[in-house]
């Protein structure tokens, strides 16, 4: 359980750092790609230390995320894409919802 919290903390810290540092100056495409690689490598290192398998990058989903990042950059605001379910690639599994949806990520089992 401690390793799960450590992994979650790393993800939050990485996201905050990327948001803060990313807001300083627009990054070039090549530096963005290398920053993405560094973030994935850091996440996978934390997963490995917790005995978890590495995550793989879905190139189609990455491209959707990059496009939405450009949209938010152009508007000067950070907000959710309400059309995400129509533009995100499907992988045979239900897509995860982003924060701010107003619904919990998981529900407790029903009791009889």
PDB file of N, CA and C in Angstrom:
ATOM      1  N   UNK A   1       0.827  -1.188   0.000  1.00  0.00           N
ATOM      2  CA  UNK A   1       0.000   0.000   0.000  1.00  0.00           C
ATOM      3  C   UNK A   1       0.876   1.259   0.000  1.00  0.00           C
ATOM      4  N   UNK A   2       2.010   1.184   0.716  1.00  0.00           N
ATOM      5  CA  UNK A   2       2.901   2.336   0.774  1.00  0.00           C
ATOM      6  C   UNK A   2       3.457   2.669  -0.605  1.00  0.00           C
ATOM      7  N   UNK A   3       3.757   1.629  -1.397  1.00  0.00           N
ATOM      8  CA  UNK A   3       4.300   1.870  -2.739  1.00  0.00           C
ATOM      9  C   UNK A   3       3.252   2.496  -3.656  1.00  0.00           C
ATOM     10  N   UNK A   4       1.983   2.183  -3.441  1.00  0.00           N
ATOM     11  CA  UNK A   4       0.914   2.794  -4.237  1.00  0.00           C
ATOM     12  C   UNK A   4       0.849   4.283  -3.941  1.00  0.00           C
ATOM     13  N   UNK A   5       0.950   4.651  -2.671  1.00  0.00           N
ATOM     14  CA  UNK A   5       0.940   6.076  -2.295  1.00  0.00           C
ATOM     15  C   UNK A   5       2.164   6.788  -2.860  1.00  0.00           C
ATOM     16  N   UNK A   6       3.305   6.110  -2.823  1.00  0.00           N
ATOM     17  CA  UNK A   6       4.525   6.697  -3.358  1.00  0.00           C
ATOM     18  C   UNK A   6       4.381   6.935  -4.857  1.00  0.00           C
ATOM     19  N   UNK A   7       3.815   5.968  -5.563  1.00  0.00           N
ATOM     20  CA  UNK A   7       3.590   6.102  -6.997  1.00  0.00           C
ATOM     21  C   UNK A   7       2.603   7.236  -7.279  1.00  0.00           C
ATOM     22  N   UNK A   8       1.537   7.306  -6.502  1.00  0.00           N
ATOM     23  CA  UNK A   8       0.560   8.385  -6.666  1.00  0.00           C
ATOM     24  C   UNK A   8       1.187   9.746  -6.412  1.00  0.00           C
ATOM     25  N   UNK A   9       2.029   9.822  -5.403  1.00  0.00           N
ATOM     26  CA  UNK A   9       2.711  11.080  -5.097  1.00  0.00           C
ATOM     27  C   UNK A   9       3.629  11.496  -6.233  1.00  0.00           C
ATOM     28  N   UNK A  10       4.312  10.524  -6.823  1.00  0.00           N
ATOM     29  CA  UNK A  10       5.198  10.809  -7.954  1.00  0.00           C
ATOM     30  C   UNK A  10       4.400  11.326  -9.142  1.00  0.00           C
ATOM     31  N   UNK A  11       3.256  10.712  -9.403  1.00  0.00           N
ATOM     32  CA  UNK A  11       2.417  11.148 -10.517  1.00  0.00           C
ATOM     33  C   UNK A  11       1.912  12.569 -10.299  1.00  0.00           C
ATOM     34  N   UNK A  12       1.471  12.875  -9.090  1.00  0.00           N
ATOM     35  CA  UNK A  12       0.990  14.224  -8.789  1.00  0.00           C
ATOM     36  C   UNK A  12       2.132  15.228  -8.915  1.00  0.00           C
ATOM     37  N   UNK A  13       3.288  14.905  -8.354  1.00  0.00           N
ATOM     38  CA  UNK A  13       4.438  15.815  -8.428  1.00  0.00           C
ATOM     39  C   UNK A  13       4.864  16.041  -9.873  1.00  0.00           C
ATOM     40  N   UNK A  14       4.871  14.986 -10.669  1.00  0.00           N
ATOM     41  CA  UNK A  14       5.244  15.121 -12.080  1.00  0.00           C
ATOM     42  C   UNK A  14       4.256  15.973 -12.844  1.00  0.00           C
ATOM     43  N   UNK A  15       2.987  15.792 -12.562  1.00  0.00           N
ATOM     44  CA  UNK A  15       1.954  16.579 -13.243  1.00  0.00           C
ATOM     45  C   UNK A  15       2.049  18.047 -12.862  1.00  0.00           C
ATOM     46  N   UNK A  16       2.224  18.316 -11.573  1.00  0.00           N
ATOM     47  CA  UNK A  16       2.355  19.703 -11.123  1.00  0.00           C
ATOM     48  C   UNK A  16       3.596  20.338 -11.732  1.00  0.00           C
ATOM     49  N   UNK A  17       4.710  19.620 -11.713  1.00  0.00           N
ATOM     50  CA  UNK A  17       5.949  20.167 -12.278  1.00  0.00           C
ATOM     51  C   UNK A  17       5.790  20.438 -13.770  1.00  0.00           C
ATOM     52  N   UNK A  18       5.169  19.512 -14.484  1.00  0.00           N
ATOM     53  CA  UNK A  18       4.971  19.706 -15.927  1.00  0.00           C
ATOM     54  C   UNK A  18       4.069  20.902 -16.190  1.00  0.00           C
ATOM     55  N   UNK A  19       3.040  21.070 -15.359  1.00  0.00           N
ATOM     56  CA  UNK A  19       2.123  22.199 -15.540  1.00  0.00           C
ATOM     57  C   UNK A  19       2.817  23.517 -15.249  1.00  0.00           C
ATOM     58  N   UNK A  20       3.537  23.578 -14.141  1.00  0.00           N
ATOM     59  CA  UNK A  20       4.222  24.816 -13.765  1.00  0.00           C
ATOM     60  C   UNK A  20       5.327  25.147 -14.750  1.00  0.00           C
ATOM     61  N   UNK A  21       6.187  24.191 -15.033  1.00  0.00           N
ATOM     62  CA  UNK A  21       7.305  24.437 -15.939  1.00  0.00           C
ATOM     63  C   UNK A  21       6.832  24.632 -17.371  1.00  0.00           C
ATOM     64  N   UNK A  22       5.784  23.925 -17.744  1.00  0.00           N
ATOM     65  CA  UNK A  22       5.244  24.069 -19.090  1.00  0.00           C
ATOM     66  C   UNK A  22       4.633  25.437 -19.322  1.00  0.00           C
ATOM     67  N   UNK A  23       4.194  26.087 -18.244  1.00  0.00           N
ATOM     68  CA  UNK A  23       3.584  27.403 -18.376  1.00  0.00           C
ATOM     69  C   UNK A  23       4.585  28.526 -18.497  1.00  0.00           C
ATOM     70  N   UNK A  24       5.856  28.251 -18.272  1.00  0.00           N
ATOM     71  CA  UNK A  24       6.872  29.298 -18.339  1.00  0.00           C
ATOM     72  C   UNK A  24       7.092  29.759 -19.773  1.00  0.00           C
ATOM     73  N   UNK A  25       7.218  28.831 -20.676  1.00  0.00           N
ATOM     74  CA  UNK A  25       7.413  29.169 -22.085  1.00  0.00           C
ATOM     75  C   UNK A  25       6.940  28.008 -22.935  1.00  0.00           C
ATOM     76  N   UNK A  26       6.328  28.289 -24.064  1.00  0.00           N
ATOM     77  CA  UNK A  26       5.916  27.187 -24.932  1.00  0.00           C
ATOM     78  C   UNK A  26       7.123  26.353 -25.348  1.00  0.00           C
ATOM     79  N   UNK A  27       6.958  25.058 -25.301  1.00  0.00           N
ATOM     80  CA  UNK A  27       8.062  24.158 -25.644  1.00  0.00           C
ATOM     81  C   UNK A  27       7.994  23.788 -27.116  1.00  0.00           C
ATOM     82  N   UNK A  28       9.146  23.495 -27.678  1.00  0.00           N
ATOM     83  CA  UNK A  28       9.174  23.017 -29.060  1.00  0.00           C
ATOM     84  C   UNK A  28       8.683  21.581 -29.080  1.00  0.00           C
ATOM     85  N   UNK A  29       8.330  21.083 -30.254  1.00  0.00           N
ATOM     86  CA  UNK A  29       7.822  19.718 -30.371  1.00  0.00           C
ATOM     87  C   UNK A  29       8.846  18.701 -29.895  1.00  0.00           C
ATOM     88  N   UNK A  30      10.124  18.914 -30.228  1.00  0.00           N
ATOM     89  CA  UNK A  30      11.137  17.939 -29.822  1.00  0.00           C
ATOM     90  C   UNK A  30      11.370  17.961 -28.320  1.00  0.00           C
ATOM     91  N   UNK A  31      11.351  19.153 -27.699  1.00  0.00           N
ATOM     92  CA  UNK A  31      11.547  19.180 -26.250  1.00  0.00           C
ATOM     93  C   UNK A  31      10.323  18.619 -25.542  1.00  0.00           C
ATOM     94  N   UNK A  32       9.115  18.818 -26.100  1.00  0.00           N
ATOM     95  CA  UNK A  32       7.915  18.237 -25.507  1.00  0.00           C
ATOM     96  C   UNK A  32       7.986  16.722 -25.536  1.00  0.00           C
ATOM     97  N   UNK A  33       8.439  16.173 -26.652  1.00  0.00           N
ATOM     98  CA  UNK A  33       8.552  14.718 -26.770  1.00  0.00           C
ATOM     99  C   UNK A  33       9.564  14.178 -25.768  1.00  0.00           C
ATOM    100  N   UNK A  34      10.687  14.869 -25.593  1.00  0.00           N
ATOM    101  CA  UNK A  34      11.685  14.385 -24.640  1.00  0.00           C
ATOM    102  C   UNK A  34      11.176  14.527 -23.205  1.00  0.00           C
ATOM    103  N   UNK A  35      10.387  15.574 -22.928  1.00  0.00           N
ATOM    104  CA  UNK A  35       9.795  15.717 -21.596  1.00  0.00           C
ATOM    105  C   UNK A  35       8.779  14.614 -21.344  1.00  0.00           C
ATOM    106  N   UNK A  36       8.005  14.271 -22.373  1.00  0.00           N
ATOM    107  CA  UNK A  36       7.056  13.171 -22.240  1.00  0.00           C
ATOM    108  C   UNK A  36       7.797  11.874 -21.941  1.00  0.00           C
ATOM    109  N   UNK A  37       8.889  11.636 -22.660  1.00  0.00           N
ATOM    110  CA  UNK A  37       9.684  10.424 -22.450  1.00  0.00           C
ATOM    111  C   UNK A  37      10.233  10.390 -21.031  1.00  0.00           C
ATOM    112  N   UNK A  38      10.725  11.514 -20.546  1.00  0.00           N
ATOM    113  CA  UNK A  38      11.254  11.582 -19.175  1.00  0.00           C
ATOM    114  C   UNK A  38      10.166  11.276 -18.150  1.00  0.00           C
ATOM    115  N   UNK A  39       8.958  11.816 -18.365  1.00  0.00           N
ATOM    116  CA  UNK A  39       7.860  11.571 -17.439  1.00  0.00           C
ATOM    117  C   UNK A  39       7.476  10.086 -17.450  1.00  0.00           C
ATOM    118  N   UNK A  40       7.351   9.492 -18.630  1.00  0.00           N
ATOM    119  CA  UNK A  40       7.006   8.066 -18.723  1.00  0.00           C
ATOM    120  C   UNK A  40       8.103   7.222 -18.078  1.00  0.00           C
ATOM    121  N   UNK A  41       9.360   7.582 -18.321  1.00  0.00           N
ATOM    122  CA  UNK A  41      10.472   6.847 -17.711  1.00  0.00           C
ATOM    123  C   UNK A  41      10.424   6.941 -16.188  1.00  0.00           C
ATOM    124  N   UNK A  42      10.118   8.123 -15.658  1.00  0.00           N
ATOM    125  CA  UNK A  42      10.040   8.298 -14.199  1.00  0.00           C
ATOM    126  C   UNK A  42       8.882   7.493 -13.620  1.00  0.00           C
ATOM    127  N   UNK A  43       7.749   7.516 -14.299  1.00  0.00           N
ATOM    128  CA  UNK A  43       6.599   6.735 -13.834  1.00  0.00           C
ATOM    129  C   UNK A  43       6.940   5.250 -13.851  1.00  0.00           C
ATOM    130  N   UNK A  44       7.555   4.779 -14.931  1.00  0.00           N
ATOM    131  CA  UNK A  44       7.882   3.364 -15.027  1.00  0.00           C
ATOM    132  C   UNK A  44       8.962   2.951 -14.036  1.00  0.00           C
ATOM    133  N   UNK A  45       9.881   3.841 -13.709  1.00  0.00           N
ATOM    134  CA  UNK A  45      10.875   3.539 -12.674  1.00  0.00           C
ATOM    135  C   UNK A  45      10.184   3.358 -11.321  1.00  0.00           C
ATOM    136  N   UNK A  46       9.228   4.243 -11.028  1.00  0.00           N
ATOM    137  CA  UNK A  46       8.480   4.121  -9.772  1.00  0.00           C
ATOM    138  C   UNK A  46       7.649   2.841  -9.767  1.00  0.00           C
ATOM    139  N   UNK A  47       7.039   2.511 -10.906  1.00  0.00           N
ATOM    140  CA  UNK A  47       6.263   1.273 -11.001  1.00  0.00           C
ATOM    141  C   UNK A  47       7.160   0.057 -10.805  1.00  0.00           C
ATOM    142  N   UNK A  48       8.343   0.083 -11.407  1.00  0.00           N
ATOM    143  CA  UNK A  48       9.276  -1.036 -11.269  1.00  0.00           C
ATOM    144  C   UNK A  48       9.689  -1.218  -9.815  1.00  0.00           C
ATOM    145  N   UNK A  49       9.935  -0.106  -9.115  1.00  0.00           N
ATOM    146  CA  UNK A  49      10.335  -0.210  -7.709  1.00  0.00           C
ATOM    147  C   UNK A  49       9.192  -0.731  -6.839  1.00  0.00           C
ATOM    148  N   UNK A  50       7.963  -0.597  -7.332  1.00  0.00           N
ATOM    149  CA  UNK A  50       6.800  -1.118  -6.604  1.00  0.00           C
ATOM    150  C   UNK A  50       6.416  -2.505  -7.090  1.00  0.00           C
ATOM    151  N   UNK A  51       7.227  -3.067  -8.009  1.00  0.00           N
ATOM    152  CA  UNK A  51       6.955  -4.402  -8.515  1.00  0.00           C
ATOM    153  C   UNK A  51       5.842  -4.452  -9.555  1.00  0.00           C
ATOM    154  N   UNK A  52       5.530  -3.310 -10.147  1.00  0.00           N
ATOM    155  CA  UNK A  52       4.468  -3.234 -11.149  1.00  0.00           C
ATOM    156  C   UNK A  52       5.077  -3.202 -12.553  1.00  0.00           C
ATOM    157  N   UNK A  53       4.351  -3.695 -13.554  1.00  0.00           N
ATOM    158  CA  UNK A  53       4.861  -3.667 -14.927  1.00  0.00           C
ATOM    159  C   UNK A  53       4.857  -2.239 -15.481  1.00  0.00           C
ATOM    160  N   UNK A  54       5.661  -1.980 -16.494  1.00  0.00           N
ATOM    161  CA  UNK A  54       5.708  -0.631 -17.064  1.00  0.00           C
ATOM    162  C   UNK A  54       4.436  -0.295 -17.840  1.00  0.00           C
ATOM    163  N   UNK A  55       4.152   0.990 -17.917  1.00  0.00           N
ATOM    164  CA  UNK A  55       3.057   1.462 -18.758  1.00  0.00           C
ATOM    165  C   UNK A  55       3.589   1.671 -20.166  1.00  0.00           C
ATOM    166  N   UNK A  56       2.749   1.479 -21.148  1.00  0.00           N
ATOM    167  CA  UNK A  56       3.118   1.710 -22.534  1.00  0.00           C
ATOM    168  C   UNK A  56       2.389   2.950 -23.029  1.00  0.00           C
ATOM    169  N   UNK A  57       3.019   3.697 -23.900  1.00  0.00           N
ATOM    170  CA  UNK A  57       2.411   4.898 -24.458  1.00  0.00           C
ATOM    171  C   UNK A  57       1.521   4.505 -25.631  1.00  0.00           C
ATOM    172  N   UNK A  58       0.288   4.977 -25.616  1.00  0.00           N
ATOM    173  CA  UNK A  58      -0.636   4.790 -26.729  1.00  0.00           C
ATOM    174  C   UNK A  58      -0.470   6.019 -27.626  1.00  0.00           C
ATOM    175  N   UNK A  59       0.133   5.834 -28.800  1.00  0.00           N
ATOM    176  CA  UNK A  59       0.457   6.962 -29.677  1.00  0.00           C
ATOM    177  C   UNK A  59      -0.788   7.733 -30.115  1.00  0.00           C
ATOM    178  N   UNK A  60      -1.885   7.030 -30.361  1.00  0.00           N
ATOM    179  CA  UNK A  60      -3.109   7.722 -30.772  1.00  0.00           C
ATOM    180  C   UNK A  60      -3.638   8.612 -29.650  1.00  0.00           C
ATOM    181  N   UNK A  61      -3.650   8.089 -28.427  1.00  0.00           N
ATOM    182  CA  UNK A  61      -4.114   8.868 -27.284  1.00  0.00           C
ATOM    183  C   UNK A  61      -3.157  10.027 -26.999  1.00  0.00           C
ATOM    184  N   UNK A  62      -1.856   9.772 -27.151  1.00  0.00           N
ATOM    185  CA  UNK A  62      -0.857  10.828 -26.977  1.00  0.00           C
ATOM    186  C   UNK A  62      -1.115  11.976 -27.954  1.00  0.00           C
ATOM    187  N   UNK A  63      -1.427  11.646 -29.194  1.00  0.00           N
ATOM    188  CA  UNK A  63      -1.681  12.675 -30.197  1.00  0.00           C
ATOM    189  C   UNK A  63      -2.927  13.493 -29.867  1.00  0.00           C
ATOM    190  N   UNK A  64      -3.970  12.829 -29.341  1.00  0.00           N
ATOM    191  CA  UNK A  64      -5.180  13.545 -28.915  1.00  0.00           C
ATOM    192  C   UNK A  64      -4.821  14.503 -27.772  1.00  0.00           C
ATOM    193  N   UNK A  65      -4.025  14.014 -26.818  1.00  0.00           N
ATOM    194  CA  UNK A  65      -3.632  14.845 -25.676  1.00  0.00           C
ATOM    195  C   UNK A  65      -2.789  16.039 -26.117  1.00  0.00           C
ATOM    196  N   UNK A  66      -1.878  15.813 -27.039  1.00  0.00           N
ATOM    197  CA  UNK A  66      -1.065  16.920 -27.547  1.00  0.00           C
ATOM    198  C   UNK A  66      -1.936  17.970 -28.239  1.00  0.00           C
ATOM    199  N   UNK A  67      -2.892  17.509 -29.039  1.00  0.00           N
ATOM    200  CA  UNK A  67      -3.793  18.442 -29.718  1.00  0.00           C
ATOM    201  C   UNK A  67      -4.601  19.261 -28.732  1.00  0.00           C
ATOM    202  N   UNK A  68      -5.098  18.601 -27.676  1.00  0.00           N
ATOM    203  CA  UNK A  68      -5.889  19.328 -26.683  1.00  0.00           C
ATOM    204  C   UNK A  68      -5.005  20.301 -25.900  1.00  0.00           C
ATOM    205  N   UNK A  69      -3.770  19.909 -25.648  1.00  0.00           N
ATOM    206  CA  UNK A  69      -2.832  20.825 -24.974  1.00  0.00           C
ATOM    207  C   UNK A  69      -2.641  22.093 -25.793  1.00  0.00           C
ATOM    208  N   UNK A  70      -2.537  21.939 -27.109  1.00  0.00           N
ATOM    209  CA  UNK A  70      -2.400  23.112 -27.982  1.00  0.00           C
ATOM    210  C   UNK A  70      -3.652  23.982 -27.947  1.00  0.00           C
ATOM    211  N   UNK A  71      -4.817  23.339 -27.900  1.00  0.00           N
ATOM    212  CA  UNK A  71      -6.080  24.075 -27.805  1.00  0.00           C
ATOM    213  C   UNK A  71      -6.112  24.911 -26.533  1.00  0.00           C
ATOM    214  N   UNK A  72      -5.730  24.298 -25.403  1.00  0.00           N
ATOM    215  CA  UNK A  72      -5.729  25.032 -24.133  1.00  0.00           C
ATOM    216  C   UNK A  72      -4.681  26.133 -24.138  1.00  0.00           C
ATOM    217  N   UNK A  73      -3.514  25.859 -24.716  1.00  0.00           N
ATOM    218  CA  UNK A  73      -2.464  26.875 -24.804  1.00  0.00           C
ATOM    219  C   UNK A  73      -2.957  28.077 -25.593  1.00  0.00           C
ATOM    220  N   UNK A  74      -3.613  27.822 -26.715  1.00  0.00           N
ATOM    221  CA  UNK A  74      -4.114  28.904 -27.566  1.00  0.00           C
ATOM    222  C   UNK A  74      -5.181  29.734 -26.859  1.00  0.00           C
ATOM    223  N   UNK A  75      -6.005  29.084 -26.041  1.00  0.00           N
ATOM    224  CA  UNK A  75      -7.075  29.808 -25.356  1.00  0.00           C
ATOM    225  C   UNK A  75      -6.597  30.465 -24.068  1.00  0.00           C
ATOM    226  N   UNK A  76      -5.455  30.004 -23.544  1.00  0.00           N
ATOM    227  CA  UNK A  76      -4.949  30.556 -22.287  1.00  0.00           C
ATOM    228  C   UNK A  76      -5.669  30.024 -21.060  1.00  0.00           C
ATOM    229  N   UNK A  77      -6.415  28.931 -21.209  1.00  0.00           N
ATOM    230  CA  UNK A  77      -7.160  28.338 -20.103  1.00  0.00           C
ATOM    231  C   UNK A  77      -6.953  26.828 -20.085  1.00  0.00           C
ATOM    232  N   UNK A  78      -6.991  26.251 -18.887  1.00  0.00           N
ATOM    233  CA  UNK A  78      -6.931  24.802 -18.734  1.00  0.00           C
ATOM    234  C   UNK A  78      -8.346  24.327 -18.459  1.00  0.00           C
ATOM    235  N   UNK A  79      -8.845  23.435 -19.282  1.00  0.00           N
ATOM    236  CA  UNK A  79     -10.192  22.906 -19.104  1.00  0.00           C
ATOM    237  C   UNK A  79     -10.308  21.543 -19.781  1.00  0.00           C
ATOM    238  N   UNK A  80     -11.361  20.809 -19.433  1.00  0.00           N
ATOM    239  CA  UNK A  80     -11.566  19.467 -19.954  1.00  0.00           C
ATOM    240  C   UNK A  80     -12.211  19.502 -21.333  1.00  0.00           C
ATOM    241  N   UNK A  81     -11.878  18.524 -22.149  1.00  0.00           N
ATOM    242  CA  UNK A  81     -12.474  18.350 -23.465  1.00  0.00           C
ATOM    243  C   UNK A  81     -13.769  17.566 -23.290  1.00  0.00           C
ATOM    244  N   UNK A  82     -14.899  18.232 -23.442  1.00  0.00           N
ATOM    245  CA  UNK A  82     -16.186  17.555 -23.265  1.00  0.00           C
ATOM    246  C   UNK A  82     -16.483  16.587 -24.408  1.00  0.00           C
ATOM    247  N   UNK A  83     -15.671  16.624 -25.457  1.00  0.00           N
ATOM    248  CA  UNK A  83     -15.846  15.735 -26.606  1.00  0.00           C
ATOM    249  C   UNK A  83     -14.844  14.573 -26.577  1.00  0.00           C
ATOM    250  N   UNK A  84     -14.155  14.383 -25.476  1.00  0.00           N
ATOM    251  CA  UNK A  84     -13.085  13.395 -25.388  1.00  0.00           C
ATOM    252  C   UNK A  84     -13.548  11.985 -25.764  1.00  0.00           C
ATOM    253  N   UNK A  85     -14.717  11.609 -25.319  1.00  0.00           N
ATOM    254  CA  UNK A  85     -15.178  10.243 -25.611  1.00  0.00           C
ATOM    255  C   UNK A  85     -15.366  10.017 -27.106  1.00  0.00           C
ATOM    256  N   UNK A  86     -15.534  11.088 -27.879  1.00  0.00           N
ATOM    257  CA  UNK A  86     -15.707  10.947 -29.319  1.00  0.00           C
ATOM    258  C   UNK A  86     -14.385  11.005 -30.090  1.00  0.00           C
ATOM    259  N   UNK A  87     -13.344  11.528 -29.484  1.00  0.00           N
ATOM    260  CA  UNK A  87     -12.072  11.676 -30.196  1.00  0.00           C
ATOM    261  C   UNK A  87     -10.979  10.746 -29.687  1.00  0.00           C
ATOM    262  N   UNK A  88     -11.118  10.237 -28.475  1.00  0.00           N
ATOM    263  CA  UNK A  88     -10.095   9.345 -27.911  1.00  0.00           C
ATOM    264  C   UNK A  88     -10.193   7.975 -28.563  1.00  0.00           C
ATOM    265  N   UNK A  89      -9.043   7.351 -28.817  1.00  0.00           N
ATOM    266  CA  UNK A  89      -9.064   6.009 -29.408  1.00  0.00           C
ATOM    267  C   UNK A  89      -9.643   5.007 -28.421  1.00  0.00           C
ATOM    268  N   UNK A  90     -10.273   3.997 -28.936  1.00  0.00           N
ATOM    269  CA  UNK A  90     -10.799   2.939 -28.082  1.00  0.00           C
ATOM    270  C   UNK A  90      -9.835   1.760 -28.127  1.00  0.00           C
ATOM    271  N   UNK A  91      -9.720   1.075 -27.007  1.00  0.00           N
ATOM    272  CA  UNK A  91      -8.789  -0.048 -26.921  1.00  0.00           C
ATOM    273  C   UNK A  91      -9.485  -1.322 -26.494  1.00  0.00           C
ATOM    274  N   UNK A  92     -10.808  -1.340 -26.565  1.00  0.00           N
ATOM    275  CA  UNK A  92     -11.539  -2.513 -26.115  1.00  0.00           C
ATOM    276  C   UNK A  92     -11.885  -2.457 -24.644  1.00  0.00           C
ATOM    277  N   UNK A  93     -11.390  -1.450 -23.944  1.00  0.00           N
ATOM    278  CA  UNK A  93     -11.706  -1.252 -22.537  1.00  0.00           C
ATOM    279  C   UNK A  93     -12.395   0.083 -22.399  1.00  0.00           C
ATOM    280  N   UNK A  94     -13.192   0.211 -21.381  1.00  0.00           N
ATOM    281  CA  UNK A  94     -13.857   1.492 -21.138  1.00  0.00           C
ATOM    282  C   UNK A  94     -12.787   2.531 -20.830  1.00  0.00           C
ATOM    283  N   UNK A  95     -12.921   3.705 -21.414  1.00  0.00           N
ATOM    284  CA  UNK A  95     -11.925   4.740 -21.164  1.00  0.00           C
ATOM    285  C   UNK A  95     -12.144   5.350 -19.790  1.00  0.00           C
ATOM    286  N   UNK A  96     -11.061   5.722 -19.157  1.00  0.00           N
ATOM    287  CA  UNK A  96     -11.135   6.344 -17.837  1.00  0.00           C
ATOM    288  C   UNK A  96     -11.619   7.767 -17.977  1.00  0.00           C
ATOM    289  N   UNK A  97     -12.346   8.238 -17.011  1.00  0.00           N
ATOM    290  CA  UNK A  97     -12.815   9.613 -17.022  1.00  0.00           C
ATOM    291  C   UNK A  97     -11.778  10.471 -16.324  1.00  0.00           C
ATOM    292  N   UNK A  98     -11.682  11.704 -16.756  1.00  0.00           N
ATOM    293  CA  UNK A  98     -10.731  12.608 -16.124  1.00  0.00           C
ATOM    294  C   UNK A  98     -11.344  13.205 -14.881  1.00  0.00           C
ATOM    295  N   UNK A  99     -10.523  13.840 -14.075  1.00  0.00           N
ATOM    296  CA  UNK A  99     -11.022  14.453 -12.858  1.00  0.00           C
ATOM    297  C   UNK A  99     -11.994  15.565 -13.218  1.00  0.00           C
ATOM    298  N   UNK A 100     -12.832  15.900 -12.281  1.00  0.00           N
ATOM    299  CA  UNK A 100     -13.781  16.975 -12.508  1.00  0.00           C
ATOM    300  C   UNK A 100     -15.085  16.507 -13.108  1.00  0.00           C
ATOM    301  N   UNK A 101     -15.267  15.199 -13.243  1.00  0.00           N
ATOM    302  CA  UNK A 101     -16.494  14.701 -13.854  1.00  0.00           C
ATOM    303  C   UNK A 101     -17.642  14.685 -12.854  1.00  0.00           C
ATOM    304  N   UNK A 102     -17.311  14.800 -11.574  1.00  0.00           N
ATOM    305  CA  UNK A 102     -18.351  14.782 -10.563  1.00  0.00           C
ATOM    306  C   UNK A 102     -18.769  13.396 -10.136  1.00  0.00           C
ATOM    307  N   UNK A 103     -18.155  12.367 -10.717  1.00  0.00           N
ATOM    308  CA  UNK A 103     -18.473  10.995 -10.355  1.00  0.00           C
ATOM    309  C   UNK A 103     -17.240  10.320  -9.773  1.00  0.00           C
ATOM    310  N   UNK A 104     -17.432   9.435  -8.792  1.00  0.00           N
ATOM    311  CA  UNK A 104     -16.272   8.723  -8.248  1.00  0.00           C
ATOM    312  C   UNK A 104     -15.700   7.764  -9.282  1.00  0.00           C
ATOM    313  N   UNK A 105     -14.402   7.501  -9.172  1.00  0.00           N
ATOM    314  CA  UNK A 105     -13.733   6.599 -10.103  1.00  0.00           C
ATOM    315  C   UNK A 105     -14.141   5.158  -9.871  1.00  0.00           C
ATOM    316  N   UNK A 106     -14.487   4.815  -8.656  1.00  0.00           N
ATOM    317  CA  UNK A 106     -14.890   3.448  -8.351  1.00  0.00           C
ATOM    318  C   UNK A 106     -16.046   3.490  -7.368  1.00  0.00           C
ATOM    319  N   UNK A 107     -16.854   2.469  -7.380  1.00  0.00           N
ATOM    320  CA  UNK A 107     -17.969   2.385  -6.439  1.00  0.00           C
ATOM    321  C   UNK A 107     -17.790   1.160  -5.578  1.00  0.00           C
ATOM    322  N   UNK A 108     -18.349   1.202  -4.402  1.00  0.00           N
ATOM    323  CA  UNK A 108     -18.256   0.033  -3.524  1.00  0.00           C
ATOM    324  C   UNK A 108     -19.285  -1.002  -3.959  1.00  0.00           C
ATOM    325  N   UNK A 109     -19.014  -2.270  -3.690  1.00  0.00           N
ATOM    326  CA  UNK A 109     -19.952  -3.325  -4.090  1.00  0.00           C
ATOM    327  C   UNK A 109     -21.269  -3.202  -3.337  1.00  0.00           C
ATOM    328  N   UNK A 110     -22.324  -3.656  -3.967  1.00  0.00           N
ATOM    329  CA  UNK A 110     -23.638  -3.645  -3.325  1.00  0.00           C
ATOM    330  C   UNK A 110     -23.694  -4.735  -2.287  1.00  0.00           C
ATOM    331  N   UNK A 111     -24.401  -4.456  -1.232  1.00  0.00           N
ATOM    332  CA  UNK A 111     -24.614  -5.480  -0.184  1.00  0.00           C
ATOM    333  C   UNK A 111     -26.035  -5.975  -0.277  1.00  0.00           C
ATOM    334  N   UNK A 112     -26.203  -7.287  -0.089  1.00  0.00           N
ATOM    335  CA  UNK A 112     -27.555  -7.832  -0.176  1.00  0.00           C
ATOM    336  C   UNK A 112     -28.279  -7.708   1.127  1.00  0.00           C
TER     337      UNK A 112
END
